[in-house]
Amino acid sequence: MKLEPIITEKSMNNAKEGKYTFRVGRSLNKIQIKKLIEETFGVHVTDVKTIRSRGGVKRTPQGRKRIIQPAKKAIVTLKDKEKIDLFEESKK
């Protein structure tokens, strides 16, 4: 089962509020995603929101075709005071 964290500026801001974003396998439903996150990171999930993006074909600036694979994202909300260490910002 595919589970990959998405590290962007927006997802890092959401992580401060206890909402973590992952790219997941397209065949997983919300219950399976919740179970996978809880087993992998040892946290308690309170809510799962999913977003499906269609695949397609885009053109590069050189005029070549580029195939975009369909994907599914999950935004997971954890219980209060719980966090996932992957999304912690390093202090410089």
N, C-alpha and C. Protein backbone atom coordinates (compact mmCIF):
# COMPACT_ATOMS: atom_id res chain seq x y z
N MET A 1 0.84 -1.18 0.00
CA MET A 1 0.00 0.00 0.00
C MET A 1 0.89 1.25 0.00
N LYS A 2 0.52 2.18 -0.81
CA LYS A 2 1.33 3.38 -0.99
C LYS A 2 0.93 4.44 0.04
N LEU A 3 1.93 5.01 0.70
CA LEU A 3 1.72 6.09 1.66
C LEU A 3 2.95 6.98 1.61
N GLU A 4 2.78 8.18 1.07
CA GLU A 4 3.91 9.09 0.86
C GLU A 4 3.54 10.49 1.35
N PRO A 5 4.31 11.05 2.28
CA PRO A 5 3.97 12.40 2.78
C PRO A 5 4.19 13.45 1.69
N ILE A 6 3.34 14.46 1.69
CA ILE A 6 3.48 15.58 0.76
C ILE A 6 3.99 16.76 1.58
N ILE A 7 5.21 17.20 1.25
CA ILE A 7 5.85 18.28 1.99
C ILE A 7 5.85 19.53 1.11
N THR A 8 4.90 20.42 1.36
CA THR A 8 4.83 21.70 0.67
C THR A 8 4.62 22.78 1.73
N GLU A 9 4.66 24.02 1.29
CA GLU A 9 4.46 25.12 2.24
C GLU A 9 3.06 25.05 2.86
N LYS A 10 2.08 24.76 2.04
CA LYS A 10 0.70 24.68 2.53
C LYS A 10 0.53 23.51 3.50
N SER A 11 1.10 22.35 3.16
CA SER A 11 0.95 21.19 4.05
C SER A 11 1.69 21.40 5.37
N MET A 12 2.79 22.14 5.33
CA MET A 12 3.51 22.42 6.58
C MET A 12 2.70 23.35 7.48
N ASN A 13 2.00 24.32 6.89
CA ASN A 13 1.13 25.19 7.68
C ASN A 13 -0.04 24.41 8.26
N ASN A 14 -0.60 23.47 7.48
CA ASN A 14 -1.69 22.64 7.98
C ASN A 14 -1.21 21.71 9.09
N ALA A 15 0.05 21.27 9.02
CA ALA A 15 0.59 20.36 10.03
C ALA A 15 0.64 21.03 11.40
N LYS A 16 0.81 22.34 11.43
CA LYS A 16 0.80 23.06 12.71
C LYS A 16 -0.57 23.00 13.37
N GLU A 17 -1.61 22.80 12.55
CA GLU A 17 -2.99 22.69 13.06
C GLU A 17 -3.40 21.24 13.30
N GLY A 18 -2.48 20.29 13.06
CA GLY A 18 -2.78 18.88 13.27
C GLY A 18 -3.37 18.18 12.06
N LYS A 19 -3.21 18.78 10.87
CA LYS A 19 -3.70 18.17 9.64
C LYS A 19 -2.51 17.82 8.75
N TYR A 20 -2.37 16.55 8.41
CA TYR A 20 -1.23 16.06 7.67
C TYR A 20 -1.68 15.52 6.31
N THR A 21 -0.87 15.81 5.27
CA THR A 21 -1.24 15.46 3.90
C THR A 21 -0.35 14.33 3.39
N PHE A 22 -0.98 13.32 2.79
CA PHE A 22 -0.27 12.17 2.25
C PHE A 22 -0.79 11.85 0.85
N ARG A 23 0.09 11.32 0.01
CA ARG A 23 -0.34 10.74 -1.27
C ARG A 23 -0.54 9.26 -0.99
N VAL A 24 -1.70 8.74 -1.33
CA VAL A 24 -2.04 7.35 -0.99
C VAL A 24 -2.42 6.60 -2.26
N GLY A 25 -2.51 5.29 -2.14
CA GLY A 25 -2.93 4.46 -3.26
C GLY A 25 -4.37 4.77 -3.63
N ARG A 26 -4.67 4.74 -4.92
CA ARG A 26 -6.01 5.11 -5.39
C ARG A 26 -7.09 4.15 -4.93
N SER A 27 -6.72 2.91 -4.63
CA SER A 27 -7.73 1.93 -4.26
C SER A 27 -8.11 1.98 -2.79
N LEU A 28 -7.38 2.75 -1.98
CA LEU A 28 -7.66 2.81 -0.54
C LEU A 28 -8.87 3.70 -0.25
N ASN A 29 -9.71 3.24 0.68
CA ASN A 29 -10.82 4.09 1.13
C ASN A 29 -10.44 4.75 2.45
N LYS A 30 -11.33 5.59 2.99
CA LYS A 30 -11.00 6.37 4.18
C LYS A 30 -10.70 5.49 5.40
N ILE A 31 -11.43 4.41 5.54
CA ILE A 31 -11.23 3.51 6.68
C ILE A 31 -9.86 2.86 6.59
N GLN A 32 -9.48 2.42 5.39
CA GLN A 32 -8.17 1.79 5.21
C GLN A 32 -7.04 2.80 5.42
N ILE A 33 -7.24 4.04 4.97
CA ILE A 33 -6.23 5.08 5.16
C ILE A 33 -6.05 5.36 6.65
N LYS A 34 -7.15 5.47 7.38
CA LYS A 34 -7.09 5.72 8.82
C LYS A 34 -6.32 4.61 9.53
N LYS A 35 -6.62 3.37 9.20
CA LYS A 35 -5.97 2.23 9.81
C LYS A 35 -4.47 2.21 9.48
N LEU A 36 -4.12 2.52 8.23
CA LEU A 36 -2.73 2.52 7.80
C LEU A 36 -1.92 3.60 8.52
N ILE A 37 -2.47 4.80 8.66
CA ILE A 37 -1.78 5.90 9.35
C ILE A 37 -1.60 5.55 10.83
N GLU A 38 -2.64 5.02 11.46
CA GLU A 38 -2.55 4.68 12.88
C GLU A 38 -1.51 3.60 13.13
N GLU A 39 -1.44 2.59 12.26
CA GLU A 39 -0.46 1.52 12.45
C GLU A 39 0.95 1.98 12.15
N THR A 40 1.11 2.83 11.14
CA THR A 40 2.44 3.26 10.72
C THR A 40 3.07 4.22 11.72
N PHE A 41 2.31 5.21 12.19
CA PHE A 41 2.87 6.28 13.02
C PHE A 41 2.48 6.19 14.48
N GLY A 42 1.58 5.28 14.86
CA GLY A 42 1.19 5.13 16.26
C GLY A 42 0.44 6.33 16.80
N VAL A 43 -0.48 6.89 16.01
CA VAL A 43 -1.27 8.05 16.42
C VAL A 43 -2.75 7.71 16.30
N HIS A 44 -3.62 8.62 16.77
CA HIS A 44 -5.06 8.41 16.69
C HIS A 44 -5.64 9.39 15.68
N VAL A 45 -6.25 8.87 14.62
CA VAL A 45 -6.82 9.69 13.56
C VAL A 45 -8.28 9.99 13.88
N THR A 46 -8.67 11.28 13.78
CA THR A 46 -10.06 11.64 14.04
C THR A 46 -10.85 11.90 12.76
N ASP A 47 -10.16 12.29 11.66
CA ASP A 47 -10.87 12.61 10.43
C ASP A 47 -9.96 12.37 9.23
N VAL A 48 -10.55 11.91 8.12
CA VAL A 48 -9.82 11.71 6.87
C VAL A 48 -10.63 12.35 5.75
N LYS A 49 -9.97 13.23 5.00
CA LYS A 49 -10.58 13.82 3.81
C LYS A 49 -9.74 13.38 2.62
N THR A 50 -10.39 12.98 1.52
CA THR A 50 -9.65 12.51 0.36
C THR A 50 -9.94 13.40 -0.85
N ILE A 51 -8.94 13.48 -1.73
CA ILE A 51 -9.04 14.26 -2.96
C ILE A 51 -8.48 13.40 -4.08
N ARG A 52 -9.27 13.19 -5.12
CA ARG A 52 -8.81 12.44 -6.28
C ARG A 52 -8.52 13.41 -7.41
N SER A 53 -7.37 13.24 -8.06
CA SER A 53 -7.05 14.06 -9.22
C SER A 53 -6.98 13.16 -10.45
N ARG A 54 -7.57 13.64 -11.53
CA ARG A 54 -7.58 12.87 -12.77
C ARG A 54 -6.21 12.93 -13.41
N GLY A 55 -5.91 11.91 -14.16
CA GLY A 55 -4.70 11.93 -14.96
C GLY A 55 -4.98 12.67 -16.26
N GLY A 56 -4.00 12.75 -17.10
CA GLY A 56 -4.22 13.42 -18.37
C GLY A 56 -2.92 13.62 -19.10
N VAL A 57 -2.98 14.42 -20.15
CA VAL A 57 -1.80 14.70 -20.96
C VAL A 57 -1.58 16.21 -20.96
N LYS A 58 -0.35 16.60 -20.69
CA LYS A 58 0.02 18.02 -20.75
C LYS A 58 1.16 18.16 -21.75
N ARG A 59 1.32 19.35 -22.24
CA ARG A 59 2.42 19.62 -23.16
C ARG A 59 3.52 20.40 -22.44
N THR A 60 4.75 20.01 -22.71
CA THR A 60 5.90 20.71 -22.15
C THR A 60 6.19 21.95 -23.00
N PRO A 61 7.02 22.86 -22.52
CA PRO A 61 7.38 24.03 -23.34
C PRO A 61 8.04 23.66 -24.67
N GLN A 62 8.64 22.47 -24.74
CA GLN A 62 9.26 22.02 -25.99
C GLN A 62 8.24 21.42 -26.95
N GLY A 63 6.99 21.28 -26.51
CA GLY A 63 5.94 20.73 -27.36
C GLY A 63 5.73 19.24 -27.22
N ARG A 64 6.48 18.60 -26.34
CA ARG A 64 6.32 17.16 -26.13
C ARG A 64 5.13 16.90 -25.21
N LYS A 65 4.56 15.71 -25.36
CA LYS A 65 3.45 15.32 -24.48
C LYS A 65 4.01 14.69 -23.21
N ARG A 66 3.40 15.02 -22.10
CA ARG A 66 3.79 14.47 -20.81
C ARG A 66 2.55 13.88 -20.17
N ILE A 67 2.61 12.62 -19.76
CA ILE A 67 1.46 11.94 -19.16
C ILE A 67 1.46 12.20 -17.66
N ILE A 68 0.34 12.70 -17.15
CA ILE A 68 0.16 12.93 -15.72
C ILE A 68 -0.63 11.76 -15.16
N GLN A 69 -0.05 11.06 -14.20
CA GLN A 69 -0.71 9.90 -13.61
C GLN A 69 -1.82 10.33 -12.65
N PRO A 70 -2.94 9.62 -12.65
CA PRO A 70 -3.98 9.93 -11.66
C PRO A 70 -3.46 9.64 -10.25
N ALA A 71 -3.94 10.42 -9.29
CA ALA A 71 -3.43 10.29 -7.92
C ALA A 71 -4.57 10.52 -6.93
N LYS A 72 -4.29 10.20 -5.67
CA LYS A 72 -5.24 10.42 -4.59
C LYS A 72 -4.47 10.97 -3.39
N LYS A 73 -4.99 12.06 -2.81
CA LYS A 73 -4.38 12.65 -1.62
C LYS A 73 -5.33 12.45 -0.45
N ALA A 74 -4.75 12.34 0.74
CA ALA A 74 -5.54 12.24 1.96
C ALA A 74 -5.05 13.29 2.95
N ILE A 75 -5.99 14.06 3.49
CA ILE A 75 -5.67 15.02 4.55
C ILE A 75 -6.21 14.42 5.85
N VAL A 76 -5.28 14.11 6.75
CA VAL A 76 -5.60 13.37 7.96
C VAL A 76 -5.52 14.31 9.16
N THR A 77 -6.56 14.32 10.00
CA THR A 77 -6.58 15.11 11.22
C THR A 77 -6.34 14.18 12.40
N LEU A 78 -5.43 14.59 13.28
CA LEU A 78 -5.10 13.77 14.45
C LEU A 78 -5.76 14.32 15.69
N LYS A 79 -5.75 13.50 16.76
CA LYS A 79 -6.25 13.94 18.06
C LYS A 79 -5.41 15.11 18.57
N ASP A 80 -5.96 15.87 19.51
CA ASP A 80 -5.22 16.98 20.10
C ASP A 80 -3.90 16.51 20.70
N LYS A 81 -2.88 17.34 20.58
CA LYS A 81 -1.55 17.13 21.17
C LYS A 81 -0.75 16.02 20.50
N GLU A 82 -1.27 15.38 19.45
CA GLU A 82 -0.51 14.36 18.73
C GLU A 82 0.07 14.96 17.46
N LYS A 83 1.25 14.44 17.06
CA LYS A 83 1.86 14.93 15.83
C LYS A 83 2.70 13.84 15.19
N ILE A 84 3.03 14.06 13.92
CA ILE A 84 3.87 13.15 13.15
C ILE A 84 5.19 13.88 12.91
N ASP A 85 6.31 13.24 13.26
CA ASP A 85 7.61 13.91 13.23
C ASP A 85 8.10 14.23 11.81
N LEU A 86 7.57 13.59 10.79
CA LEU A 86 8.00 13.86 9.41
C LEU A 86 7.74 15.30 9.01
N PHE A 87 6.73 15.92 9.60
CA PHE A 87 6.30 17.24 9.20
C PHE A 87 6.85 18.36 10.09
N GLU A 88 7.84 18.06 10.91
CA GLU A 88 8.42 19.07 11.80
C GLU A 88 9.45 19.90 11.04
N GLU A 89 9.40 21.21 11.20
CA GLU A 89 10.36 22.10 10.56
C GLU A 89 11.63 22.15 11.40
N SER A 90 12.77 22.18 10.71
CA SER A 90 14.04 22.30 11.44
C SER A 90 14.29 23.78 11.73
N LYS A 91 14.77 24.06 12.91
CA LYS A 91 15.06 25.44 13.31
C LYS A 91 16.47 25.79 12.87
N LYS A 92 16.64 26.89 12.15
CA LYS A 92 17.96 27.29 11.66
C LYS A 92 18.52 28.42 12.49
